[in-house]
Amino acid sequence: MNHKTFPSAARSERHMTDIALLGDHSFLFEKLFSELKVTYQFLSPGILGSPFLPQYKMVMIPTGFANSQYSKALPALQSMRSNIAEFVRKGGVLTVFGPLVPEHNYDWLPLKLKYICEYGSHEIAPTEHECSCFLCTSTPECDGYLIPGEGFETVLKDGKNRAILVLGRYGVGSIVATTVHEFPAADYIRWGLKRARESKI
C-alpha cells in the first residue's frame, strides 16, 4: 500500500486523507495528485473496510475493476456494498470508471446503474453542468455507455445520445460514474474535494 501525505497538523489530527484510489500504484494518478498537492493513498481491494484506514473525501475506482484480467477489485466491492453506501451517504464522493466487461450491473452501488461495453471516440457537446469539468478534451475515448437508474442524472452524452458520465446523489454524498477512458481533469479533482465531506469506507 502506497501512502503519500503532505505536511498538515490539522489533517494529521483528523486522520483524513483526501483521496483513495482502489488498485495498484499508478504513476499517472500519482503525478496528478502530487501536482494538486492533495493527500492520497493506493488501496489494495482486500483491505477495504479495515478499521485502520483513515477517512477519505474521495474514493476512485479505476478502469477495469470488474475484469479479472486487470483487477481483483469486484469481489471486494460486492462484499463491501454497505460500507460503500455509507461512505457516500455521509458525504464522500465516489468516482467509478468503466468496468471493461461486456455488461455490468453495479449491484454494489446504492443506486441502480448499467454499463454496456463499446469502444469509440466521441465528440461531446459542451454543457454547463458543474460535473462536466471531468473532461480534458471534447473528443474523449470511451469504453462504453451507461444506462442510469433513479437517482442519477446524465451529465455527458456520446454522439449517439447515450450517457457517458452520470452523477448520482445519495445522502449528502455523490457518485460519479463514467465510461470516459481517460484521466480526469485537475478541475474535477478540485470540484470533488470541495463538495465532499470526509467519511470512512
Protein backbone atom coordinates (compact mmCIF):
# COMPACT_ATOMS: atom_id res chain seq x y z
CA MET A 1 0.00 0.00 0.00
CA ASN A 2 1.42 3.34 -1.02
CA HIS A 3 0.59 6.39 1.05
CA LYS A 4 1.64 9.94 0.20
CA THR A 5 0.93 12.83 2.53
CA PHE A 6 1.82 16.46 2.68
CA PRO A 7 2.54 18.20 5.99
CA SER A 8 -0.56 19.41 7.79
CA ALA A 9 -1.11 19.24 11.52
CA ALA A 10 -4.86 19.69 11.09
CA ARG A 11 -5.13 16.75 8.72
CA SER A 12 -3.00 14.58 10.96
CA GLU A 13 -5.29 15.24 13.94
CA ARG A 14 -8.40 14.31 11.94
CA HIS A 15 -6.86 11.17 10.43
CA MET A 16 -8.12 12.11 6.99
CA THR A 17 -6.66 11.56 3.54
CA ASP A 18 -8.06 13.44 0.56
CA ILE A 19 -8.24 10.63 -2.00
CA ALA A 20 -8.12 6.83 -2.03
CA LEU A 21 -7.55 5.02 -5.32
CA LEU A 22 -8.54 1.36 -5.32
CA GLY A 23 -5.80 -0.61 -7.01
CA ASP A 24 -2.09 -0.72 -7.66
CA HIS A 25 0.35 2.16 -7.67
CA SER A 26 -0.15 4.32 -10.78
CA PHE A 27 2.47 6.85 -11.84
CA LEU A 28 -0.01 8.95 -13.81
CA PHE A 29 -2.51 9.21 -10.96
CA GLU A 30 0.35 9.86 -8.55
CA LYS A 31 1.60 12.67 -10.79
CA LEU A 32 -1.89 14.21 -10.97
CA PHE A 33 -2.44 14.05 -7.22
CA SER A 34 1.04 15.38 -6.44
CA GLU A 35 0.61 18.33 -8.79
CA LEU A 36 -2.62 19.20 -6.97
CA LYS A 37 -0.86 18.89 -3.61
CA VAL A 38 -3.51 16.57 -2.18
CA THR A 39 -3.01 13.63 0.16
CA TYR A 40 -3.67 10.24 -1.39
CA GLN A 41 -3.45 6.52 -0.81
CA PHE A 42 -3.43 3.49 -3.10
CA LEU A 43 -5.54 0.71 -1.56
CA SER A 44 -5.48 -2.99 -2.36
CA PRO A 45 -9.07 -4.32 -2.62
CA GLY A 46 -8.55 -6.75 0.25
CA ILE A 47 -8.19 -4.04 2.89
CA LEU A 48 -11.43 -2.21 2.12
CA GLY A 49 -13.37 -1.79 5.34
CA SER A 50 -10.31 -2.08 7.58
CA PRO A 51 -10.82 -0.11 10.82
CA PHE A 52 -7.24 1.16 10.48
CA LEU A 53 -7.92 3.11 7.28
CA PRO A 54 -8.30 6.88 7.60
CA GLN A 55 -11.31 8.84 6.44
CA TYR A 56 -11.35 9.96 2.81
CA LYS A 57 -13.11 12.71 0.90
CA MET A 58 -12.92 10.95 -2.48
CA VAL A 59 -12.60 7.30 -3.48
CA MET A 60 -11.73 6.48 -7.08
CA ILE A 61 -12.24 3.09 -8.74
CA PRO A 62 -10.16 2.92 -11.94
CA THR A 63 -10.95 1.37 -15.32
CA GLY A 64 -11.16 -2.42 -15.49
CA PHE A 65 -12.30 -3.06 -11.91
CA ALA A 66 -14.72 -5.85 -12.97
CA ASN A 67 -12.36 -7.54 -15.44
CA SER A 68 -10.30 -10.26 -13.75
CA GLN A 69 -7.50 -9.76 -16.30
CA TYR A 70 -6.87 -6.30 -14.90
CA SER A 71 -8.16 -6.25 -11.34
CA LYS A 72 -9.32 -8.26 -8.35
CA ALA A 73 -11.50 -5.42 -7.09
CA LEU A 74 -15.02 -6.62 -7.93
CA PRO A 75 -15.43 -9.30 -5.20
CA ALA A 76 -14.21 -6.79 -2.61
CA LEU A 77 -16.62 -4.12 -3.88
CA GLN A 78 -19.54 -6.55 -3.74
CA SER A 79 -18.70 -7.68 -0.21
CA MET A 80 -18.30 -4.06 0.94
CA ARG A 81 -21.55 -2.77 -0.55
CA SER A 82 -22.89 -1.43 2.76
CA ASN A 83 -19.60 0.36 3.51
CA ILE A 84 -19.61 1.98 0.08
CA ALA A 85 -23.19 3.16 0.54
CA GLU A 86 -22.34 4.58 3.97
CA PHE A 87 -19.23 6.35 2.63
CA VAL A 88 -21.35 8.17 0.04
CA ARG A 89 -24.34 8.74 2.34
CA LYS A 90 -22.15 10.61 4.83
CA GLY A 91 -20.67 12.90 2.19
CA GLY A 92 -17.93 11.07 0.29
CA VAL A 93 -17.51 11.45 -3.47
CA LEU A 94 -17.14 8.11 -5.26
CA THR A 95 -15.75 8.13 -8.82
CA VAL A 96 -16.17 4.95 -10.87
CA PHE A 97 -14.62 4.34 -14.29
CA GLY A 98 -15.60 1.66 -16.83
CA PRO A 99 -15.57 -2.00 -15.68
CA LEU A 100 -14.29 -3.31 -19.07
CA VAL A 101 -16.61 -6.30 -19.31
CA PRO A 102 -19.37 -6.76 -21.95
CA GLU A 103 -22.10 -5.72 -19.47
CA HIS A 104 -22.15 -4.79 -15.82
CA ASN A 105 -24.88 -4.05 -13.30
CA TYR A 106 -23.39 -2.09 -10.43
CA ASP A 107 -25.00 -4.27 -7.77
CA TRP A 108 -22.52 -2.95 -5.21
CA LEU A 109 -23.73 0.65 -5.54
CA PRO A 110 -26.73 2.03 -3.61
CA LEU A 111 -28.24 3.37 -6.88
CA LYS A 112 -29.13 1.39 -9.99
CA LEU A 113 -26.83 1.66 -12.99
CA LYS A 114 -25.93 -0.47 -16.01
CA TYR A 115 -22.88 -0.47 -18.29
CA ILE A 116 -22.55 -1.70 -21.89
CA CYS A 117 -19.05 -2.02 -23.33
CA GLU A 118 -18.48 -0.38 -26.70
CA TYR A 119 -15.20 1.33 -27.58
CA GLY A 120 -15.17 4.55 -29.55
CA SER A 121 -14.15 8.17 -29.78
CA HIS A 122 -16.92 10.74 -29.44
CA GLU A 123 -17.36 14.44 -29.91
CA ILE A 124 -19.05 15.75 -26.80
CA ALA A 125 -21.35 18.76 -26.86
CA PRO A 126 -20.44 21.39 -24.25
CA THR A 127 -22.58 21.63 -21.13
CA GLU A 128 -22.75 24.00 -18.18
CA HIS A 129 -23.17 21.20 -15.64
CA GLU A 130 -20.74 21.54 -12.73
CA CYS A 131 -19.52 17.96 -13.11
CA SER A 132 -18.65 18.32 -16.80
CA CYS A 133 -15.24 19.63 -15.67
CA PHE A 134 -14.24 15.94 -15.69
CA LEU A 135 -13.24 16.10 -19.37
CA CYS A 136 -9.83 17.24 -20.57
CA THR A 137 -10.95 17.12 -24.22
CA SER A 138 -14.16 17.48 -26.25
CA THR A 139 -13.37 14.25 -28.15
CA PRO A 140 -12.73 11.66 -25.44
CA GLU A 141 -12.19 7.94 -25.92
CA CYS A 142 -14.93 5.91 -24.24
CA ASP A 143 -15.11 2.20 -23.45
CA GLY A 144 -18.92 2.02 -23.38
CA TYR A 145 -22.07 3.78 -22.27
CA LEU A 146 -24.29 3.87 -19.19
CA ILE A 147 -27.97 3.31 -18.54
CA PRO A 148 -28.69 5.26 -15.35
CA GLY A 149 -31.47 4.39 -12.94
CA GLU A 150 -33.37 6.53 -10.48
CA GLY A 151 -31.14 8.87 -8.51
CA PHE A 152 -28.71 9.52 -11.36
CA GLU A 153 -28.72 12.44 -13.76
CA THR A 154 -26.93 12.34 -17.10
CA VAL A 155 -24.13 14.92 -17.34
CA LEU A 156 -22.47 13.98 -20.65
CA LYS A 157 -23.71 12.01 -23.67
CA ASP A 158 -21.89 10.44 -26.60
CA GLY A 159 -22.63 11.07 -30.27
CA LYS A 160 -25.47 8.54 -30.12
CA ASN A 161 -27.19 10.35 -27.24
CA ARG A 162 -26.14 7.73 -24.66
CA ALA A 163 -24.85 8.59 -21.20
CA ILE A 164 -21.08 8.50 -20.70
CA LEU A 165 -20.94 10.41 -17.42
CA VAL A 166 -23.63 10.42 -14.76
CA LEU A 167 -23.95 11.99 -11.32
CA GLY A 168 -25.89 10.34 -8.55
CA ARG A 169 -26.77 11.90 -5.22
CA TYR A 170 -27.11 9.63 -2.21
CA GLY A 171 -27.43 11.06 1.26
CA VAL A 172 -25.13 14.09 1.32
CA GLY A 173 -22.55 12.47 -0.97
CA SER A 174 -22.17 11.83 -4.68
CA ILE A 175 -21.46 9.01 -7.12
CA VAL A 176 -19.85 9.94 -10.42
CA ALA A 177 -19.73 7.09 -12.95
CA THR A 178 -18.15 7.41 -16.37
CA THR A 179 -17.07 5.40 -19.39
CA VAL A 180 -14.54 8.04 -20.41
CA HIS A 181 -11.34 6.08 -20.94
CA GLU A 182 -9.02 8.92 -19.90
CA PHE A 183 -7.70 10.52 -16.73
CA PRO A 184 -9.94 13.15 -15.14
CA ALA A 185 -9.09 16.82 -15.39
CA ALA A 186 -7.48 18.51 -12.40
CA ASP A 187 -10.56 20.74 -12.14
CA TYR A 188 -12.67 17.65 -11.48
CA ILE A 189 -10.50 16.62 -8.53
CA ARG A 190 -10.80 20.14 -7.12
CA TRP A 191 -14.57 20.05 -7.67
CA GLY A 192 -14.92 16.70 -5.88
CA LEU A 193 -12.77 17.68 -2.91
CA LYS A 194 -14.65 20.96 -2.50
CA ARG A 195 -18.06 19.31 -2.30
CA ALA A 196 -17.03 16.20 -0.33
CA ARG A 197 -17.03 15.51 3.38
CA GLU A 198 -14.56 13.09 4.93
CA SER A 199 -16.04 9.66 5.52
CA LYS A 200 -14.98 6.10 6.36
CA ILE A 201 -15.15 3.28 3.82
